[in-house]
C-alpha atoms as a PDB file:
ATOM      1  CA  MET A   1      91.158 122.817 152.388  1.00  0.00           C
ATOM      2  CA  SER A   2      89.439 122.429 149.069  1.00  0.00           C
ATOM      3  CA  ARG A   3      90.311 120.511 145.941  1.00  0.00           C
ATOM      4  CA  PHE A   4      90.829 122.380 142.668  1.00  0.00           C
ATOM      5  CA  LEU A   5      91.384 121.346 139.070  1.00  0.00           C
ATOM      6  CA  ILE A   6      93.861 123.598 137.287  1.00  0.00           C
ATOM      7  CA  GLU A   7      93.521 123.554 133.506  1.00  0.00           C
ATOM      8  CA  VAL A   8      96.411 125.076 131.565  1.00  0.00           C
ATOM      9  CA  PRO A   9      96.105 125.351 127.768  1.00  0.00           C
ATOM     10  CA  HIS A  10      99.030 125.948 125.421  1.00  0.00           C
ATOM     11  CA  GLU A  11      99.640 126.308 121.693  1.00  0.00           C
ATOM     12  CA  ALA A  12      99.148 123.263 119.469  1.00  0.00           C
ATOM     13  CA  GLU A  13     102.606 123.130 117.846  1.00  0.00           C
ATOM     14  CA  MET A  14     104.837 120.285 119.063  1.00  0.00           C
ATOM     15  CA  VAL A  15     107.580 122.700 120.137  1.00  0.00           C
ATOM     16  CA  ALA A  16     105.013 124.683 122.169  1.00  0.00           C
ATOM     17  CA  CYS A  17     103.999 121.450 123.915  1.00  0.00           C
ATOM     18  CA  ALA A  18     107.598 120.636 124.712  1.00  0.00           C
ATOM     19  CA  ARG A  19     108.257 124.137 126.046  1.00  0.00           C
ATOM     20  CA  ALA A  20     105.102 124.148 128.180  1.00  0.00           C
ATOM     21  CA  VAL A  21     105.788 120.753 129.706  1.00  0.00           C
ATOM     22  CA  ARG A  22     109.465 121.573 130.259  1.00  0.00           C
ATOM     23  CA  LEU A  23     108.594 124.814 132.034  1.00  0.00           C
ATOM     24  CA  LEU A  24     106.123 123.071 134.331  1.00  0.00           C
ATOM     25  CA  LEU A  25     108.463 120.156 135.098  1.00  0.00           C
ATOM     26  CA  SER A  26     111.498 122.361 135.662  1.00  0.00           C
ATOM     27  CA  THR A  27     109.784 124.374 138.413  1.00  0.00           C
ATOM     28  CA  GLY A  28     110.360 121.451 140.754  1.00  0.00           C
ATOM     29  CA  SER A  29     106.894 121.897 142.288  1.00  0.00           C
ATOM     30  CA  HIS A  30     105.406 118.577 143.332  1.00  0.00           C
ATOM     31  CA  PHE A  31     102.064 119.678 141.907  1.00  0.00           C
ATOM     32  CA  LEU A  32     103.463 120.609 138.514  1.00  0.00           C
ATOM     33  CA  THR A  33     105.621 117.530 138.108  1.00  0.00           C
ATOM     34  CA  HIS A  34     102.462 115.433 138.444  1.00  0.00           C
ATOM     35  CA  ALA A  35     100.481 117.222 135.727  1.00  0.00           C
ATOM     36  CA  ASP A  36      98.668 115.235 133.059  1.00  0.00           C
ATOM     37  CA  PHE A  37      98.615 116.370 129.440  1.00  0.00           C
ATOM     38  CA  GLY A  38      96.331 115.674 126.464  1.00  0.00           C
ATOM     39  CA  CYS A  39      98.780 116.683 123.736  1.00  0.00           C
ATOM     40  CA  GLU A  40      99.169 113.218 122.210  1.00  0.00           C
ATOM     41  CA  ASP A  41      95.394 113.140 121.687  1.00  0.00           C
ATOM     42  CA  GLY A  42      95.234 116.627 120.175  1.00  0.00           C
ATOM     43  CA  GLU A  43      94.097 118.372 123.374  1.00  0.00           C
ATOM     44  CA  HIS A  44      96.911 120.836 124.121  1.00  0.00           C
ATOM     45  CA  THR A  45      96.163 121.277 127.784  1.00  0.00           C
ATOM     46  CA  GLY A  46      97.679 120.259 131.096  1.00  0.00           C
ATOM     47  CA  TRP A  47      95.620 119.315 134.154  1.00  0.00           C
ATOM     48  CA  ILE A  48      96.665 119.392 137.775  1.00  0.00           C
ATOM     49  CA  VAL A  49      94.564 118.553 140.852  1.00  0.00           C
ATOM     50  CA  VAL A  50      95.609 120.299 144.064  1.00  0.00           C
ATOM     51  CA  ASP A  51      94.396 120.582 147.641  1.00  0.00           C
ATOM     52  CA  VAL A  52      94.724 124.238 148.686  1.00  0.00           C
ATOM     53  CA  ASP A  53      92.661 126.882 150.474  1.00  0.00           C
ATOM     54  CA  SER A  54      91.551 129.072 147.550  1.00  0.00           C
ATOM     55  CA  LYS A  55      91.454 129.602 143.794  1.00  0.00           C
ATOM     56  CA  GLU A  56      94.092 132.288 144.214  1.00  0.00           C
ATOM     57  CA  GLU A  57      96.414 129.846 145.962  1.00  0.00           C
ATOM     58  CA  ALA A  58      95.830 127.305 143.183  1.00  0.00           C
ATOM     59  CA  ARG A  59      96.655 129.896 140.504  1.00  0.00           C
ATOM     60  CA  ALA A  60      99.827 130.928 142.368  1.00  0.00           C
ATOM     61  CA  ILE A  61     101.201 127.390 141.944  1.00  0.00           C
ATOM     62  CA  LEU A  62     101.618 128.043 138.223  1.00  0.00           C
ATOM     63  CA  PRO A  63     104.543 129.835 136.592  1.00  0.00           C
ATOM     64  CA  PRO A  64     103.504 133.476 135.965  1.00  0.00           C
ATOM     65  CA  VAL A  65     103.307 132.999 132.190  1.00  0.00           C
ATOM     66  CA  TYR A  66     100.384 130.552 132.566  1.00  0.00           C
ATOM     67  CA  ARG A  67      98.423 132.173 135.396  1.00  0.00           C
ATOM     68  CA  SER A  68      96.165 134.437 133.340  1.00  0.00           C
ATOM     69  CA  GLN A  69      95.079 131.749 130.881  1.00  0.00           C
ATOM     70  CA  ALA A  70      94.578 128.957 133.430  1.00  0.00           C
ATOM     71  CA  LYS A  71      91.088 127.859 134.376  1.00  0.00           C
ATOM     72  CA  ILE A  72      90.687 127.022 138.066  1.00  0.00           C
ATOM     73  CA  ILE A  73      87.720 124.830 139.028  1.00  0.00           C
ATOM     74  CA  LYS A  74      86.710 124.026 142.596  1.00  0.00           C
ATOM     75  CA  LEU A  75      85.809 120.353 142.760  1.00  0.00           C
ATOM     76  CA  ASN A  76      83.218 118.694 144.951  1.00  0.00           C
ATOM     77  CA  ARG A  77      81.664 115.292 145.495  1.00  0.00           C
ATOM     78  CA  PHE A  78      78.102 114.339 146.327  1.00  0.00           C
ATOM     79  CA  THR A  79      76.798 111.594 148.544  1.00  0.00           C
ATOM     80  CA  LEU A  80      73.668 109.676 147.587  1.00  0.00           C
ATOM     81  CA  GLU A  81      71.930 111.234 150.570  1.00  0.00           C
ATOM     82  CA  GLU A  82      72.752 114.761 149.387  1.00  0.00           C
ATOM     83  CA  LEU A  83      71.431 113.956 145.931  1.00  0.00           C
ATOM     84  CA  ASP A  84      68.251 112.446 147.337  1.00  0.00           C
ATOM     85  CA  GLU A  85      67.714 115.636 149.361  1.00  0.00           C
ATOM     86  CA  ILE A  86      68.222 117.864 146.328  1.00  0.00           C
ATOM     87  CA  ILE A  87      65.855 115.763 144.239  1.00  0.00           C
ATOM     88  CA  SER A  88      63.199 115.626 146.966  1.00  0.00           C
ATOM     89  CA  GLN A  89      63.233 119.429 147.283  1.00  0.00           C
ATOM     90  CA  HIS A  90      62.549 119.820 143.565  1.00  0.00           C
ATOM     91  CA  LYS A  91      59.744 117.361 142.981  1.00  0.00           C
ATOM     92  CA  ASP A  92      56.826 118.711 141.024  1.00  0.00           C
END
C-alpha cells in the first residue's frame, strides 16, 4: 500500500464551505470524516491522507462531484542513508 494526500478545493463563499464539508462528512467514510480544512485561514481546501493501492483508489474515495478537481499526491519519506546516497551520486 502507498500513502496519498488528497487535496480537494472548493469555492470561497462561506455557504460553499459549509456545503463541501457537509457533503464530505455525510458520506460516512472514515477517510472523509477525518479531513482537515483551511477555510478559517482563507484556504478553501480540504486535505485527507489515505493508505490505498493507487491514485485511482484514492480518487474513488471522494464523492463524484469532487473527483475531477481533486489533486492526488503520492507521499514518500526518505531516510538519511537514502539522502546520503543521492547526494553522493551527484557530487561534482
